[in-house]
């Protein structure tokens, strides 16, 4: 690579930051989503407990938690690796979790299980907060920061 090309690539290189703008929004949104997904599985399993036996319910809970956490972790990892399309997926995933919590909480209150309903309200609150964070400008700045870094690295890697 010539000196001229090397100099041009350095000028395009985004500034590295240990804690870029929006990282705290990203971390908080992920932590809120972990709690929301756990509460959504709890709410769903409590509603399904009358139809499933205990053994099947345990497998349902374990499988659901593992699958949902893998989906959340993979999408968040890909966002931090510059795949900004997964930001939209995370918003959709949050809305699906929020809808599940809303329906489950409504059914819990209609069934008369107020403790489960209150737990669902906590989940709705946390999912709403995560939704606000996913839509915030700081979060978007963080997504854009990672996109720039990884697009630079991909372009340098393809030149070699």
C-alpha atoms as a PDB file:
ATOM      1  CA  UNK A   1       0.000   0.000   0.000  1.00  0.00           C
ATOM      2  CA  UNK A   2       1.414   3.377  -0.915  1.00  0.00           C
ATOM      3  CA  UNK A   3       1.923   6.211   1.560  1.00  0.00           C
ATOM      4  CA  UNK A   4      -0.817   8.236  -0.111  1.00  0.00           C
ATOM      5  CA  UNK A   5      -3.439   5.502   0.329  1.00  0.00           C
ATOM      6  CA  UNK A   6      -2.296   4.885   3.890  1.00  0.00           C
ATOM      7  CA  UNK A   7      -2.661   8.577   4.692  1.00  0.00           C
ATOM      8  CA  UNK A   8      -6.161   8.661   3.143  1.00  0.00           C
ATOM      9  CA  UNK A   9      -7.291   5.663   5.225  1.00  0.00           C
ATOM     10  CA  UNK A  10      -6.052   7.262   8.441  1.00  0.00           C
ATOM     11  CA  UNK A  11      -8.107  10.366   7.749  1.00  0.00           C
ATOM     12  CA  UNK A  12     -11.253   8.252   7.315  1.00  0.00           C
ATOM     13  CA  UNK A  13     -10.610   6.218  10.471  1.00  0.00           C
ATOM     14  CA  UNK A  14     -13.211   7.176  13.093  1.00  0.00           C
ATOM     15  CA  UNK A  15     -11.990   8.199  16.504  1.00  0.00           C
ATOM     16  CA  UNK A  16     -11.830   5.314  18.950  1.00  0.00           C
ATOM     17  CA  UNK A  17     -13.376   5.916  22.338  1.00  0.00           C
ATOM     18  CA  UNK A  18     -13.280   3.656  25.348  1.00  0.00           C
ATOM     19  CA  UNK A  19     -16.875   4.569  26.209  1.00  0.00           C
ATOM     20  CA  UNK A  20     -18.502   6.088  23.103  1.00  0.00           C
ATOM     21  CA  UNK A  21     -21.609   8.209  23.218  1.00  0.00           C
ATOM     22  CA  UNK A  22     -24.641   6.013  23.788  1.00  0.00           C
ATOM     23  CA  UNK A  23     -22.845   3.048  25.383  1.00  0.00           C
ATOM     24  CA  UNK A  24     -24.678   3.537  28.687  1.00  0.00           C
ATOM     25  CA  UNK A  25     -27.990   3.683  26.839  1.00  0.00           C
ATOM     26  CA  UNK A  26     -27.080   0.434  25.067  1.00  0.00           C
ATOM     27  CA  UNK A  27     -26.077  -1.350  28.261  1.00  0.00           C
ATOM     28  CA  UNK A  28     -29.127  -0.150  30.173  1.00  0.00           C
ATOM     29  CA  UNK A  29     -31.484  -1.178  27.362  1.00  0.00           C
ATOM     30  CA  UNK A  30     -29.975  -4.674  27.261  1.00  0.00           C
ATOM     31  CA  UNK A  31     -30.211  -5.072  31.041  1.00  0.00           C
ATOM     32  CA  UNK A  32     -33.825  -3.892  31.024  1.00  0.00           C
ATOM     33  CA  UNK A  33     -34.620  -6.309  28.205  1.00  0.00           C
ATOM     34  CA  UNK A  34     -33.075  -9.241  30.109  1.00  0.00           C
ATOM     35  CA  UNK A  35     -35.430  -8.538  33.006  1.00  0.00           C
ATOM     36  CA  UNK A  36     -38.403  -7.956  30.667  1.00  0.00           C
ATOM     37  CA  UNK A  37     -37.852 -11.207  28.824  1.00  0.00           C
ATOM     38  CA  UNK A  38     -37.588 -13.108  32.104  1.00  0.00           C
ATOM     39  CA  UNK A  39     -40.820 -11.536  33.332  1.00  0.00           C
ATOM     40  CA  UNK A  40     -42.544 -12.256  30.005  1.00  0.00           C
ATOM     41  CA  UNK A  41     -41.587 -15.934  30.284  1.00  0.00           C
ATOM     42  CA  UNK A  42     -42.754 -15.979  33.919  1.00  0.00           C
ATOM     43  CA  UNK A  43     -46.076 -14.391  32.960  1.00  0.00           C
ATOM     44  CA  UNK A  44     -46.590 -16.763  30.047  1.00  0.00           C
ATOM     45  CA  UNK A  45     -45.727 -19.827  32.099  1.00  0.00           C
ATOM     46  CA  UNK A  46     -48.038 -18.776  34.919  1.00  0.00           C
ATOM     47  CA  UNK A  47     -50.869 -18.463  32.418  1.00  0.00           C
ATOM     48  CA  UNK A  48     -50.013 -21.827  30.819  1.00  0.00           C
ATOM     49  CA  UNK A  49     -49.664 -23.604  34.168  1.00  0.00           C
ATOM     50  CA  UNK A  50     -53.295 -24.711  34.146  1.00  0.00           C
ATOM     51  CA  UNK A  51     -52.847 -26.484  30.784  1.00  0.00           C
ATOM     52  CA  UNK A  52     -49.338 -27.945  31.111  1.00  0.00           C
ATOM     53  CA  UNK A  53     -47.995 -30.296  33.733  1.00  0.00           C
ATOM     54  CA  UNK A  54     -45.080 -29.166  35.877  1.00  0.00           C
ATOM     55  CA  UNK A  55     -42.461 -31.170  33.988  1.00  0.00           C
ATOM     56  CA  UNK A  56     -43.457 -29.680  30.622  1.00  0.00           C
ATOM     57  CA  UNK A  57     -43.691 -26.201  32.119  1.00  0.00           C
ATOM     58  CA  UNK A  58     -40.094 -26.349  33.371  1.00  0.00           C
ATOM     59  CA  UNK A  59     -38.860 -27.324  29.910  1.00  0.00           C
ATOM     60  CA  UNK A  60     -40.950 -24.549  28.354  1.00  0.00           C
ATOM     61  CA  UNK A  61     -39.481 -21.949  30.728  1.00  0.00           C
ATOM     62  CA  UNK A  62     -35.904 -23.108  30.256  1.00  0.00           C
ATOM     63  CA  UNK A  63     -36.181 -23.337  26.484  1.00  0.00           C
ATOM     64  CA  UNK A  64     -37.906 -19.967  26.198  1.00  0.00           C
ATOM     65  CA  UNK A  65     -35.342 -18.186  28.369  1.00  0.00           C
ATOM     66  CA  UNK A  66     -32.412 -19.700  26.476  1.00  0.00           C
ATOM     67  CA  UNK A  67     -33.836 -18.896  23.033  1.00  0.00           C
ATOM     68  CA  UNK A  68     -34.923 -15.352  23.925  1.00  0.00           C
ATOM     69  CA  UNK A  69     -31.612 -14.498  25.587  1.00  0.00           C
ATOM     70  CA  UNK A  70     -29.670 -15.865  22.614  1.00  0.00           C
ATOM     71  CA  UNK A  71     -31.751 -13.737  20.260  1.00  0.00           C
ATOM     72  CA  UNK A  72     -31.180 -10.629  22.401  1.00  0.00           C
ATOM     73  CA  UNK A  73     -27.452 -11.295  22.825  1.00  0.00           C
ATOM     74  CA  UNK A  74     -26.882 -12.038  19.137  1.00  0.00           C
ATOM     75  CA  UNK A  75     -28.750  -8.964  17.905  1.00  0.00           C
ATOM     76  CA  UNK A  76     -26.978  -6.705  20.407  1.00  0.00           C
ATOM     77  CA  UNK A  77     -23.596  -8.202  19.507  1.00  0.00           C
ATOM     78  CA  UNK A  78     -24.249  -7.586  15.818  1.00  0.00           C
ATOM     79  CA  UNK A  79     -25.224  -3.971  16.529  1.00  0.00           C
ATOM     80  CA  UNK A  80     -21.884  -3.468  18.271  1.00  0.00           C
ATOM     81  CA  UNK A  81     -20.178  -4.998  15.235  1.00  0.00           C
ATOM     82  CA  UNK A  82     -21.565  -2.360  12.912  1.00  0.00           C
ATOM     83  CA  UNK A  83     -24.672  -4.157  11.648  1.00  0.00           C
ATOM     84  CA  UNK A  84     -27.078  -1.267  12.186  1.00  0.00           C
ATOM     85  CA  UNK A  85     -30.000  -3.161  10.621  1.00  0.00           C
ATOM     86  CA  UNK A  86     -30.232  -5.125  13.890  1.00  0.00           C
ATOM     87  CA  UNK A  87     -31.107  -1.923  15.729  1.00  0.00           C
ATOM     88  CA  UNK A  88     -34.479  -2.088  13.984  1.00  0.00           C
ATOM     89  CA  UNK A  89     -34.746  -5.755  14.914  1.00  0.00           C
ATOM     90  CA  UNK A  90     -34.085  -4.906  18.580  1.00  0.00           C
ATOM     91  CA  UNK A  91     -36.873  -2.315  18.486  1.00  0.00           C
ATOM     92  CA  UNK A  92     -39.213  -4.897  16.956  1.00  0.00           C
ATOM     93  CA  UNK A  93     -38.126  -7.479  19.542  1.00  0.00           C
ATOM     94  CA  UNK A  94     -38.796  -4.981  22.332  1.00  0.00           C
ATOM     95  CA  UNK A  95     -42.271  -4.268  20.961  1.00  0.00           C
ATOM     96  CA  UNK A  96     -43.017  -7.995  20.788  1.00  0.00           C
ATOM     97  CA  UNK A  97     -41.940  -8.374  24.409  1.00  0.00           C
ATOM     98  CA  UNK A  98     -44.020  -5.343  25.391  1.00  0.00           C
ATOM     99  CA  UNK A  99     -47.082  -6.761  23.610  1.00  0.00           C
ATOM    100  CA  UNK A 100     -46.614 -10.131  25.327  1.00  0.00           C
ATOM    101  CA  UNK A 101     -46.355  -8.395  28.693  1.00  0.00           C
ATOM    102  CA  UNK A 102     -49.451  -6.273  28.016  1.00  0.00           C
ATOM    103  CA  UNK A 103     -51.587  -9.253  26.993  1.00  0.00           C
ATOM    104  CA  UNK A 104     -50.266 -11.417  29.826  1.00  0.00           C
ATOM    105  CA  UNK A 105     -50.845  -8.704  32.425  1.00  0.00           C
ATOM    106  CA  UNK A 106     -54.374  -8.092  31.186  1.00  0.00           C
ATOM    107  CA  UNK A 107     -55.155 -11.822  31.296  1.00  0.00           C
ATOM    108  CA  UNK A 108     -53.613 -12.122  34.767  1.00  0.00           C
ATOM    109  CA  UNK A 109     -55.780  -9.311  36.113  1.00  0.00           C
ATOM    110  CA  UNK A 110     -58.880 -10.797  34.450  1.00  0.00           C
ATOM    111  CA  UNK A 111     -58.056 -14.178  36.000  1.00  0.00           C
ATOM    112  CA  UNK A 112     -57.774 -12.574  39.429  1.00  0.00           C
ATOM    113  CA  UNK A 113     -54.081 -13.264  40.012  1.00  0.00           C
ATOM    114  CA  UNK A 114     -53.145  -9.769  41.093  1.00  0.00           C
ATOM    115  CA  UNK A 115     -49.591 -10.634  42.173  1.00  0.00           C
ATOM    116  CA  UNK A 116     -48.789 -11.925  38.703  1.00  0.00           C
ATOM    117  CA  UNK A 117     -50.512  -8.878  37.220  1.00  0.00           C
ATOM    118  CA  UNK A 118     -48.388  -6.504  39.293  1.00  0.00           C
ATOM    119  CA  UNK A 119     -45.281  -8.386  38.191  1.00  0.00           C
ATOM    120  CA  UNK A 120     -46.447  -7.848  34.619  1.00  0.00           C
ATOM    121  CA  UNK A 121     -46.843  -4.126  35.288  1.00  0.00           C
ATOM    122  CA  UNK A 122     -43.216  -3.990  36.447  1.00  0.00           C
ATOM    123  CA  UNK A 123     -42.242  -5.745  33.208  1.00  0.00           C
ATOM    124  CA  UNK A 124     -44.299  -3.295  31.140  1.00  0.00           C
ATOM    125  CA  UNK A 125     -42.580  -0.379  32.857  1.00  0.00           C
ATOM    126  CA  UNK A 126     -39.131  -1.804  32.175  1.00  0.00           C
ATOM    127  CA  UNK A 127     -39.986  -2.676  28.566  1.00  0.00           C
ATOM    128  CA  UNK A 128     -41.275   0.870  28.038  1.00  0.00           C
ATOM    129  CA  UNK A 129     -38.060   2.301  29.452  1.00  0.00           C
ATOM    130  CA  UNK A 130     -36.017   0.024  27.182  1.00  0.00           C
ATOM    131  CA  UNK A 131     -38.142   1.163  24.242  1.00  0.00           C
ATOM    132  CA  UNK A 132     -37.388   4.792  25.086  1.00  0.00           C
ATOM    133  CA  UNK A 133     -33.672   4.005  25.249  1.00  0.00           C
ATOM    134  CA  UNK A 134     -33.704   2.119  21.928  1.00  0.00           C
ATOM    135  CA  UNK A 135     -35.312   5.155  20.289  1.00  0.00           C
ATOM    136  CA  UNK A 136     -33.102   7.776  21.921  1.00  0.00           C
ATOM    137  CA  UNK A 137     -30.658   9.886  19.949  1.00  0.00           C
ATOM    138  CA  UNK A 138     -27.747   8.818  22.176  1.00  0.00           C
ATOM    139  CA  UNK A 139     -28.429   5.145  21.392  1.00  0.00           C
ATOM    140  CA  UNK A 140     -28.531   5.951  17.684  1.00  0.00           C
ATOM    141  CA  UNK A 141     -25.235   7.824  17.992  1.00  0.00           C
ATOM    142  CA  UNK A 142     -23.717   4.711  19.554  1.00  0.00           C
ATOM    143  CA  UNK A 143     -25.049   2.533  16.734  1.00  0.00           C
ATOM    144  CA  UNK A 144     -23.658   4.970  14.168  1.00  0.00           C
ATOM    145  CA  UNK A 145     -20.278   5.065  15.949  1.00  0.00           C
ATOM    146  CA  UNK A 146     -19.962   1.279  15.761  1.00  0.00           C
ATOM    147  CA  UNK A 147     -21.162   1.261  12.150  1.00  0.00           C
ATOM    148  CA  UNK A 148     -18.446   3.724  11.142  1.00  0.00           C
ATOM    149  CA  UNK A 149     -15.701   1.801  12.941  1.00  0.00           C
ATOM    150  CA  UNK A 150     -16.654  -1.545  11.458  1.00  0.00           C
ATOM    151  CA  UNK A 151     -17.276  -0.224   7.958  1.00  0.00           C
ATOM    152  CA  UNK A 152     -13.761   1.238   8.057  1.00  0.00           C
ATOM    153  CA  UNK A 153     -12.297  -2.086   9.191  1.00  0.00           C
ATOM    154  CA  UNK A 154     -14.231  -3.990   6.546  1.00  0.00           C
ATOM    155  CA  UNK A 155     -13.039  -1.622   3.826  1.00  0.00           C
ATOM    156  CA  UNK A 156      -9.406  -1.905   4.973  1.00  0.00           C
ATOM    157  CA  UNK A 157      -9.718  -5.694   5.136  1.00  0.00           C
ATOM    158  CA  UNK A 158     -11.080  -5.875   1.605  1.00  0.00           C
ATOM    159  CA  UNK A 159      -8.169  -3.782   0.260  1.00  0.00           C
ATOM    160  CA  UNK A 160      -5.551  -6.256   1.466  1.00  0.00           C
END
